[in-house]
Amino acid sequence: MCRLLIVDDEQIIRQGLSLLPWAENEIEVVAILKNGIEAEEWINSNEIDILLTDIRMPGISGIDLARIAFQTYPNAQVVLLTGYGEFEYAKEAITLGVFDYILKPSTPAEIIACIKRACQRFQEEKNTKVKLKKMESELQDYSMLIKPSESLTESQEDRIDKIIRFIYANYDKELTLSVLAAEFHFTTVYLSHYIKKATGYTFLEILTSVRMYYAARYLKETSMKNGEICHKVGVPDERYFGQLFKKSYEMTPYEYRKMGGNVSNPFQKFMENKNT
């Protein structure tokens, strides 16, 4: 069951919300509080999945409370209760990552439906985060991904190291298999088979992995927009960049930035080891 915290400074609203059939909809109301100050203290010592809060409250507003909730529980979903006069204010809150807003007055069915959607989003992001952690642990050991064939000689192993280094150093440029083949004096057909044999991955898979790793770093460490990032990592089309990122990390760039994701690149540990 999703854990729901309700915060509103109007007693009649709190009473009305307390009577809704939450349990029947697999939602556990963990507390119903009267202001943001109480809610901040509660959030700091108790876990929540969903925050349903009035947008205008004395002391700490619903917007400020949303920020507090996100800092403590990045995966939490926030739904704002707002009047018609605060409609524009509520829309601005969406940029903070607030899931949705409910206009007063709303029917019980509308409120329940909105919170259920928020619960579904919470579970999806939670499952995605679990997958990311699993992926990260699997990618930590370079040997799990790049295992040169036993038939490769020592000089051949050094060659594949140089090839990966070159990809790493030039991922942000227009890098193709033809460019790589010319650099190492191979035919494209031979080089394609050689990389696949030595690493288990195709040239394009390695290049995309490196590019998406740096894209993830830009999303986490900067405020650059997707259009800027895609050009920074050598992907000229923003839409295609979004598709590549979602395929790599099973979430959009926006979702990754919101979650503050931290996924290792398959070739990061290898490069770090080579540089030490």
Protein backbone atom coordinates (compact mmCIF):
# COMPACT_ATOMS: atom_id res chain seq x y z
CA MET A 1 0.00 0.00 0.00
CA CYS A 2 1.15 3.54 -0.74
CA ARG A 3 1.77 5.70 2.33
CA LEU A 4 -0.12 8.99 2.03
CA LEU A 5 0.49 12.10 4.12
CA ILE A 6 -2.30 14.71 4.05
CA VAL A 7 -1.65 18.34 5.01
CA ASP A 8 -4.25 21.12 4.99
CA ASP A 9 -4.85 24.07 7.32
CA GLU A 10 -8.65 23.91 6.92
CA GLN A 11 -10.26 21.57 9.41
CA ILE A 12 -13.30 20.88 7.24
CA ILE A 13 -11.03 19.81 4.37
CA ARG A 14 -9.05 17.52 6.65
CA GLN A 15 -12.22 15.95 7.97
CA GLY A 16 -13.57 15.40 4.47
CA LEU A 17 -10.35 13.81 3.25
CA SER A 18 -10.18 11.55 6.29
CA LEU A 19 -13.54 10.01 5.35
CA LEU A 20 -12.54 8.94 1.84
CA PRO A 21 -12.22 5.17 1.20
CA TRP A 22 -8.42 5.13 1.13
CA ALA A 23 -7.90 1.61 2.45
CA GLU A 24 -10.28 0.18 -0.14
CA ASN A 25 -7.99 1.63 -2.79
CA GLU A 26 -4.79 0.26 -1.23
CA ILE A 27 -3.71 3.61 0.18
CA GLU A 28 -2.58 3.98 3.78
CA VAL A 29 -3.09 7.43 5.31
CA VAL A 30 -0.12 7.71 7.66
CA ALA A 31 -1.07 11.13 9.07
CA ILE A 32 -3.40 14.10 8.56
CA LEU A 33 -1.72 17.34 9.66
CA LYS A 34 -2.85 20.95 9.90
CA ASN A 35 0.20 22.88 8.66
CA GLY A 36 3.56 22.68 6.92
CA ILE A 37 5.56 23.03 10.13
CA GLU A 38 4.03 19.87 11.59
CA ALA A 39 4.46 18.15 8.25
CA GLU A 40 8.16 19.02 7.99
CA GLU A 41 8.81 17.49 11.41
CA TRP A 42 6.79 14.43 10.46
CA ILE A 43 8.58 13.94 7.13
CA ASN A 44 11.98 14.17 8.80
CA SER A 45 11.20 11.17 11.01
CA ASN A 46 8.70 9.10 9.00
CA GLU A 47 8.63 7.69 5.48
CA ILE A 48 6.05 8.76 2.93
CA ASP A 49 5.29 7.77 -0.64
CA ILE A 50 2.66 10.41 -1.51
CA LEU A 51 2.18 13.92 -0.17
CA LEU A 52 -1.24 15.55 -0.61
CA THR A 53 -0.95 19.13 0.55
CA ASP A 54 -2.74 22.44 0.37
CA ILE A 55 -0.75 24.92 -1.70
CA ARG A 56 -1.35 27.94 0.55
CA MET A 57 -0.65 27.49 4.25
CA PRO A 58 0.82 29.75 6.94
CA GLY A 59 4.46 29.17 7.87
CA ILE A 60 5.46 26.64 5.24
CA SER A 61 3.58 26.61 1.95
CA GLY A 62 2.72 23.52 -0.02
CA ILE A 63 5.43 24.41 -2.54
CA ASP A 64 8.06 24.61 0.20
CA LEU A 65 6.79 21.39 1.70
CA ALA A 66 7.12 19.70 -1.68
CA ARG A 67 10.78 20.74 -1.81
CA ILE A 68 11.32 19.33 1.68
CA ALA A 69 9.64 16.06 0.71
CA PHE A 70 11.75 15.71 -2.44
CA GLN A 71 14.97 16.35 -0.52
CA THR A 72 14.16 13.62 2.00
CA TYR A 73 12.40 11.19 -0.34
CA PRO A 74 13.39 11.82 -4.00
CA ASN A 75 10.90 9.24 -5.26
CA ALA A 76 7.93 10.71 -3.39
CA GLN A 77 5.02 12.01 -5.45
CA VAL A 78 3.39 15.31 -4.51
CA VAL A 79 -0.19 16.34 -5.28
CA LEU A 80 -1.28 19.90 -4.52
CA LEU A 81 -4.72 21.02 -3.37
CA THR A 82 -5.46 24.43 -4.83
CA GLY A 83 -8.30 26.89 -5.38
CA TYR A 84 -9.13 28.53 -8.69
CA GLY A 85 -7.38 31.74 -7.63
CA GLU A 86 -4.12 29.81 -7.19
CA PHE A 87 -4.34 27.95 -10.49
CA GLU A 88 -1.36 29.68 -12.13
CA TYR A 89 0.68 29.20 -8.97
CA ALA A 90 -0.10 25.50 -9.04
CA LYS A 91 0.96 25.19 -12.66
CA GLU A 92 4.34 26.69 -11.82
CA ALA A 93 4.77 24.01 -9.16
CA ILE A 94 4.75 21.34 -11.85
CA THR A 95 8.25 22.52 -12.85
CA LEU A 96 9.46 21.38 -9.42
CA GLY A 97 8.45 17.85 -10.24
CA VAL A 98 5.06 17.93 -8.53
CA PHE A 99 2.99 15.06 -9.91
CA ASP A 100 -0.37 16.84 -10.22
CA TYR A 101 -2.76 19.30 -8.62
CA ILE A 102 -6.39 19.00 -7.57
CA LEU A 103 -8.70 21.97 -7.82
CA LYS A 104 -11.02 22.70 -4.90
CA PRO A 105 -13.74 21.58 -4.84
CA SER A 106 -13.27 18.12 -6.35
CA THR A 107 -15.32 14.98 -5.97
CA PRO A 108 -14.08 12.07 -3.81
CA ALA A 109 -13.74 9.97 -6.97
CA GLU A 110 -11.51 12.58 -8.61
CA ILE A 111 -9.29 12.83 -5.54
CA ILE A 112 -8.96 9.07 -5.15
CA ALA A 113 -8.23 8.64 -8.86
CA CYS A 114 -5.47 11.27 -8.75
CA ILE A 115 -3.79 9.74 -5.71
CA LYS A 116 -3.98 6.27 -7.25
CA ARG A 117 -2.19 7.59 -10.35
CA ALA A 118 0.45 9.11 -8.09
CA CYS A 119 0.86 5.74 -6.35
CA GLN A 120 1.30 4.04 -9.68
CA ARG A 121 3.99 6.56 -10.67
CA PHE A 122 5.72 6.04 -7.32
CA GLN A 123 5.80 2.26 -7.80
CA GLU A 124 7.08 2.60 -11.37
CA GLU A 125 9.92 4.89 -10.31
CA LYS A 126 10.71 2.69 -7.34
CA ASN A 127 10.93 -0.38 -9.57
CA THR A 128 13.08 1.52 -12.03
CA LYS A 129 15.45 2.57 -9.28
CA VAL A 130 15.79 -1.04 -8.16
CA LYS A 131 16.64 -2.01 -11.73
CA LEU A 132 19.20 0.79 -11.93
CA LYS A 133 20.90 -0.33 -8.73
CA LYS A 134 21.02 -3.88 -10.04
CA MET A 135 22.42 -2.65 -13.34
CA GLU A 136 25.02 -0.55 -11.55
CA SER A 137 26.22 -3.49 -9.47
CA GLU A 138 26.45 -5.64 -12.58
CA LEU A 139 28.45 -3.01 -14.43
CA GLN A 140 30.95 -2.32 -11.67
CA ASP A 141 33.28 -5.11 -12.69
CA TYR A 142 34.79 -4.40 -16.07
CA SER A 143 35.65 -8.06 -16.53
CA MET A 144 31.95 -8.90 -16.60
CA LEU A 145 31.56 -6.93 -19.81
CA ILE A 146 34.87 -7.00 -21.62
CA LYS A 147 36.44 -10.42 -21.67
CA PRO A 148 38.99 -10.81 -24.44
CA SER A 149 38.90 -14.21 -26.07
CA GLU A 150 41.47 -16.70 -24.85
CA SER A 151 42.75 -16.82 -28.41
CA LEU A 152 43.81 -13.14 -28.29
CA THR A 153 47.46 -12.46 -27.74
CA GLU A 154 48.77 -9.88 -25.27
CA SER A 155 49.37 -7.39 -28.08
CA GLN A 156 45.80 -7.91 -29.30
CA GLU A 157 44.48 -7.20 -25.81
CA ASP A 158 46.50 -3.99 -25.79
CA ARG A 159 45.01 -3.12 -29.18
CA ILE A 160 41.43 -3.42 -27.93
CA ASP A 161 42.42 -1.22 -24.98
CA LYS A 162 43.61 1.43 -27.42
CA ILE A 163 40.44 1.16 -29.46
CA ILE A 164 38.25 1.71 -26.41
CA ARG A 165 40.48 4.58 -25.30
CA PHE A 166 40.03 6.18 -28.71
CA ILE A 167 36.25 5.83 -28.49
CA TYR A 168 36.31 7.32 -25.01
CA ALA A 169 38.42 10.26 -26.17
CA ASN A 170 36.31 10.98 -29.26
CA TYR A 171 32.75 10.05 -28.27
CA ASP A 172 31.64 13.68 -28.65
CA LYS A 173 32.71 13.85 -32.29
CA GLU A 174 31.21 12.35 -35.44
CA LEU A 175 32.70 8.95 -34.75
CA THR A 176 31.88 6.10 -37.13
CA LEU A 177 33.26 2.63 -37.69
CA SER A 178 34.94 3.95 -40.84
CA VAL A 179 36.73 6.66 -38.86
CA LEU A 180 37.84 4.09 -36.30
CA ALA A 181 39.00 1.67 -39.02
CA ALA A 182 41.06 4.37 -40.67
CA GLU A 183 42.65 5.32 -37.36
CA PHE A 184 43.77 1.73 -36.66
CA HIS A 185 44.42 0.71 -40.29
CA PHE A 186 41.79 -2.01 -40.51
CA THR A 187 38.90 -2.62 -42.85
CA THR A 188 35.51 -1.83 -41.33
CA VAL A 189 34.41 -5.46 -41.68
CA TYR A 190 37.47 -6.79 -39.88
CA LEU A 191 37.30 -4.14 -37.14
CA SER A 192 33.60 -4.79 -36.54
CA HIS A 193 34.22 -8.52 -36.03
CA TYR A 194 37.34 -7.85 -33.97
CA ILE A 195 35.59 -5.54 -31.48
CA LYS A 196 32.67 -7.94 -31.12
CA LYS A 197 35.01 -10.90 -30.55
CA ALA A 198 37.19 -9.06 -28.03
CA THR A 199 34.46 -7.42 -25.97
CA GLY A 200 31.18 -9.15 -26.67
CA TYR A 201 29.74 -5.79 -27.77
CA THR A 202 29.44 -4.05 -31.11
CA PHE A 203 31.19 -0.78 -31.87
CA LEU A 204 27.87 1.06 -31.81
CA GLU A 205 26.86 -0.44 -28.46
CA ILE A 206 30.13 0.69 -26.90
CA LEU A 207 29.95 4.18 -28.41
CA THR A 208 26.32 4.63 -27.33
CA SER A 209 27.11 3.39 -23.83
CA VAL A 210 29.93 5.90 -23.43
CA ARG A 211 27.82 8.73 -24.83
CA MET A 212 24.88 7.96 -22.56
CA TYR A 213 27.18 7.75 -19.54
CA TYR A 214 28.39 11.28 -20.17
CA ALA A 215 24.84 12.41 -20.89
CA ALA A 216 23.80 11.03 -17.49
CA ARG A 217 26.64 12.96 -15.85
CA TYR A 218 25.55 16.19 -17.52
CA LEU A 219 21.96 15.59 -16.39
CA LYS A 220 23.05 14.97 -12.82
CA GLU A 221 25.79 17.59 -12.47
CA THR A 222 24.58 20.50 -14.64
CA SER A 223 21.40 22.38 -15.53
CA MET A 224 21.97 22.07 -19.28
CA LYS A 225 18.94 21.34 -21.42
CA ASN A 226 18.57 18.16 -23.43
CA GLY A 227 19.35 19.98 -26.67
CA GLU A 228 22.68 21.15 -25.31
CA ILE A 229 23.55 17.78 -23.82
CA CYS A 230 22.83 15.77 -26.95
CA HIS A 231 25.26 17.91 -28.95
CA LYS A 232 27.82 17.69 -26.14
CA VAL A 233 27.84 13.91 -26.41
CA GLY A 234 27.91 13.71 -30.18
CA VAL A 235 24.24 13.01 -30.90
CA PRO A 236 22.94 15.66 -33.33
CA ASP A 237 19.21 14.95 -32.97
CA GLU A 238 17.49 15.67 -29.64
CA ARG A 239 14.62 13.27 -30.26
CA TYR A 240 17.01 10.44 -31.13
CA PHE A 241 19.07 11.32 -28.05
CA GLY A 242 15.96 10.89 -25.88
CA GLN A 243 15.29 7.50 -27.45
CA LEU A 244 18.86 6.33 -26.88
CA PHE A 245 18.87 7.50 -23.27
CA LYS A 246 15.57 5.81 -22.45
CA LYS A 247 16.76 2.58 -24.07
CA SER A 248 19.98 2.71 -22.03
CA TYR A 249 18.54 3.66 -18.63
CA GLU A 250 14.85 2.72 -18.99
CA MET A 251 13.74 6.29 -18.23
CA THR A 252 13.65 9.65 -19.96
CA PRO A 253 16.38 12.24 -19.37
CA TYR A 254 13.84 14.28 -17.35
CA GLU A 255 13.00 11.30 -15.13
CA TYR A 256 16.70 10.52 -14.63
CA ARG A 257 17.48 14.10 -13.63
CA LYS A 258 14.54 14.18 -11.22
CA MET A 259 15.67 10.95 -9.56
CA GLY A 260 19.28 12.09 -9.37
CA GLY A 261 20.27 8.77 -10.89
CA ASN A 262 23.74 7.34 -10.62
CA VAL A 263 24.46 4.63 -13.16
CA SER A 264 27.98 3.55 -13.99
CA ASN A 265 29.12 3.32 -17.56
CA PRO A 266 30.20 -0.20 -18.58
CA PHE A 267 33.61 1.10 -19.60
CA GLN A 268 34.14 3.61 -16.81
CA LYS A 269 35.91 1.24 -14.42
CA PHE A 270 38.10 -0.04 -17.23
CA MET A 271 39.23 3.47 -18.16
CA GLU A 272 39.84 4.41 -14.53
CA ASN A 273 41.99 1.32 -14.04
CA LYS A 274 43.96 2.08 -17.18
CA ASN A 275 44.61 5.64 -16.04
CA THR A 276 45.95 4.63 -12.60
